[in-house]
């Protein structure tokens, strides 16, 4: 079991280091980042990403080259008839 690295500011639970998939929405575009280092609370599930990692995400959006492109299905509930 991974060791804890801090306490959640939301609920006081233990934070566990892990890698996550993170989404950013900017200018009507969706950016997906895989294997982002983060800490996740064991108790409430809150996700914490370090400032330096967020800065790198910003840099990649501004100047990076994606590893690949993925097609994403989009559903709009306002256009879906009620069942």
C-alpha atoms as a PDB file:
ATOM      1  CA  UNK A   1       0.000   0.000   0.000  1.00  0.00           C
ATOM      2  CA  UNK A   2       1.439   3.458  -0.902  1.00  0.00           C
ATOM      3  CA  UNK A   3       2.635   5.624   1.958  1.00  0.00           C
ATOM      4  CA  UNK A   4       0.711   8.783   2.750  1.00  0.00           C
ATOM      5  CA  UNK A   5       2.174  12.208   2.024  1.00  0.00           C
ATOM      6  CA  UNK A   6       0.136  14.777   3.844  1.00  0.00           C
ATOM      7  CA  UNK A   7      -3.353  15.552   4.993  1.00  0.00           C
ATOM      8  CA  UNK A   8      -6.366  16.572   2.900  1.00  0.00           C
ATOM      9  CA  UNK A   9      -7.387  20.190   3.482  1.00  0.00           C
ATOM     10  CA  UNK A  10     -11.017  19.266   2.727  1.00  0.00           C
ATOM     11  CA  UNK A  11     -11.654  16.376   5.120  1.00  0.00           C
ATOM     12  CA  UNK A  12      -8.412  15.673   6.998  1.00  0.00           C
ATOM     13  CA  UNK A  13      -7.899  12.277   5.351  1.00  0.00           C
ATOM     14  CA  UNK A  14      -4.541  10.884   4.259  1.00  0.00           C
ATOM     15  CA  UNK A  15      -3.147  11.894   0.840  1.00  0.00           C
ATOM     16  CA  UNK A  16      -1.644   9.121  -1.264  1.00  0.00           C
ATOM     17  CA  UNK A  17       0.684   9.797  -4.229  1.00  0.00           C
ATOM     18  CA  UNK A  18      -0.553   8.377  -7.530  1.00  0.00           C
ATOM     19  CA  UNK A  19      -0.791   9.140 -11.248  1.00  0.00           C
ATOM     20  CA  UNK A  20      -4.101  10.321 -12.717  1.00  0.00           C
ATOM     21  CA  UNK A  21      -5.682  11.324 -16.009  1.00  0.00           C
ATOM     22  CA  UNK A  22      -6.381  15.066 -15.865  1.00  0.00           C
ATOM     23  CA  UNK A  23      -8.625  17.147 -18.146  1.00  0.00           C
ATOM     24  CA  UNK A  24      -8.279  20.860 -18.884  1.00  0.00           C
ATOM     25  CA  UNK A  25     -10.863  22.913 -20.793  1.00  0.00           C
ATOM     26  CA  UNK A  26      -9.446  26.000 -22.510  1.00  0.00           C
ATOM     27  CA  UNK A  27     -10.942  28.152 -25.247  1.00  0.00           C
ATOM     28  CA  UNK A  28     -13.580  25.572 -26.129  1.00  0.00           C
ATOM     29  CA  UNK A  29     -10.976  22.788 -26.399  1.00  0.00           C
ATOM     30  CA  UNK A  30     -10.475  19.728 -24.223  1.00  0.00           C
ATOM     31  CA  UNK A  31      -6.911  18.720 -23.323  1.00  0.00           C
ATOM     32  CA  UNK A  32      -6.263  15.311 -21.760  1.00  0.00           C
ATOM     33  CA  UNK A  33      -3.121  14.548 -19.757  1.00  0.00           C
ATOM     34  CA  UNK A  34      -2.297  10.958 -18.807  1.00  0.00           C
ATOM     35  CA  UNK A  35       0.010   9.893 -15.953  1.00  0.00           C
ATOM     36  CA  UNK A  36      -0.126  13.231 -14.107  1.00  0.00           C
ATOM     37  CA  UNK A  37       1.529  13.035 -10.688  1.00  0.00           C
ATOM     38  CA  UNK A  38      -1.015  13.884  -8.006  1.00  0.00           C
ATOM     39  CA  UNK A  39      -2.129  13.100  -4.483  1.00  0.00           C
ATOM     40  CA  UNK A  40      -5.566  11.650  -3.828  1.00  0.00           C
ATOM     41  CA  UNK A  41      -7.351  11.650  -0.476  1.00  0.00           C
ATOM     42  CA  UNK A  42      -8.136   8.149   0.774  1.00  0.00           C
ATOM     43  CA  UNK A  43     -11.203   9.430   2.623  1.00  0.00           C
ATOM     44  CA  UNK A  44     -13.020  11.841   0.267  1.00  0.00           C
ATOM     45  CA  UNK A  45     -11.255  11.316  -3.075  1.00  0.00           C
ATOM     46  CA  UNK A  46     -10.203  14.966  -3.455  1.00  0.00           C
ATOM     47  CA  UNK A  47      -7.340  15.325  -5.946  1.00  0.00           C
ATOM     48  CA  UNK A  48      -4.334  17.562  -5.305  1.00  0.00           C
ATOM     49  CA  UNK A  49      -1.919  18.519  -8.098  1.00  0.00           C
ATOM     50  CA  UNK A  50       1.298  20.377  -7.238  1.00  0.00           C
ATOM     51  CA  UNK A  51       1.725  23.929  -8.551  1.00  0.00           C
ATOM     52  CA  UNK A  52       4.821  22.965 -10.572  1.00  0.00           C
ATOM     53  CA  UNK A  53       2.809  20.225 -12.326  1.00  0.00           C
ATOM     54  CA  UNK A  54      -0.009  22.684 -13.112  1.00  0.00           C
ATOM     55  CA  UNK A  55       2.567  25.092 -14.538  1.00  0.00           C
ATOM     56  CA  UNK A  56       3.900  22.318 -16.779  1.00  0.00           C
ATOM     57  CA  UNK A  57       0.342  21.580 -17.952  1.00  0.00           C
ATOM     58  CA  UNK A  58      -0.044  25.276 -18.848  1.00  0.00           C
ATOM     59  CA  UNK A  59       3.273  25.184 -20.738  1.00  0.00           C
ATOM     60  CA  UNK A  60       2.255  22.067 -22.665  1.00  0.00           C
ATOM     61  CA  UNK A  61      -1.074  23.620 -23.663  1.00  0.00           C
ATOM     62  CA  UNK A  62       0.693  26.803 -24.838  1.00  0.00           C
ATOM     63  CA  UNK A  63       3.770  25.329 -26.522  1.00  0.00           C
ATOM     64  CA  UNK A  64       3.773  21.537 -26.311  1.00  0.00           C
ATOM     65  CA  UNK A  65       3.154  18.937 -28.985  1.00  0.00           C
ATOM     66  CA  UNK A  66       0.497  16.319 -28.184  1.00  0.00           C
ATOM     67  CA  UNK A  67       1.591  12.683 -28.203  1.00  0.00           C
ATOM     68  CA  UNK A  68      -1.577  11.788 -30.088  1.00  0.00           C
ATOM     69  CA  UNK A  69      -5.120  12.947 -30.812  1.00  0.00           C
ATOM     70  CA  UNK A  70      -8.253  11.102 -29.635  1.00  0.00           C
ATOM     71  CA  UNK A  71     -11.799  11.376 -30.916  1.00  0.00           C
ATOM     72  CA  UNK A  72     -14.243  12.285 -28.131  1.00  0.00           C
ATOM     73  CA  UNK A  73     -18.010  11.619 -28.310  1.00  0.00           C
ATOM     74  CA  UNK A  74     -20.109  14.540 -27.048  1.00  0.00           C
ATOM     75  CA  UNK A  75     -23.645  14.276 -25.662  1.00  0.00           C
ATOM     76  CA  UNK A  76     -25.883  17.284 -24.959  1.00  0.00           C
ATOM     77  CA  UNK A  77     -28.774  16.571 -22.575  1.00  0.00           C
ATOM     78  CA  UNK A  78     -30.607  19.672 -23.813  1.00  0.00           C
ATOM     79  CA  UNK A  79     -30.839  18.002 -27.230  1.00  0.00           C
ATOM     80  CA  UNK A  80     -31.715  14.518 -25.937  1.00  0.00           C
ATOM     81  CA  UNK A  81     -35.422  13.667 -25.660  1.00  0.00           C
ATOM     82  CA  UNK A  82     -36.543  12.689 -22.150  1.00  0.00           C
ATOM     83  CA  UNK A  83     -37.247   8.986 -21.725  1.00  0.00           C
END
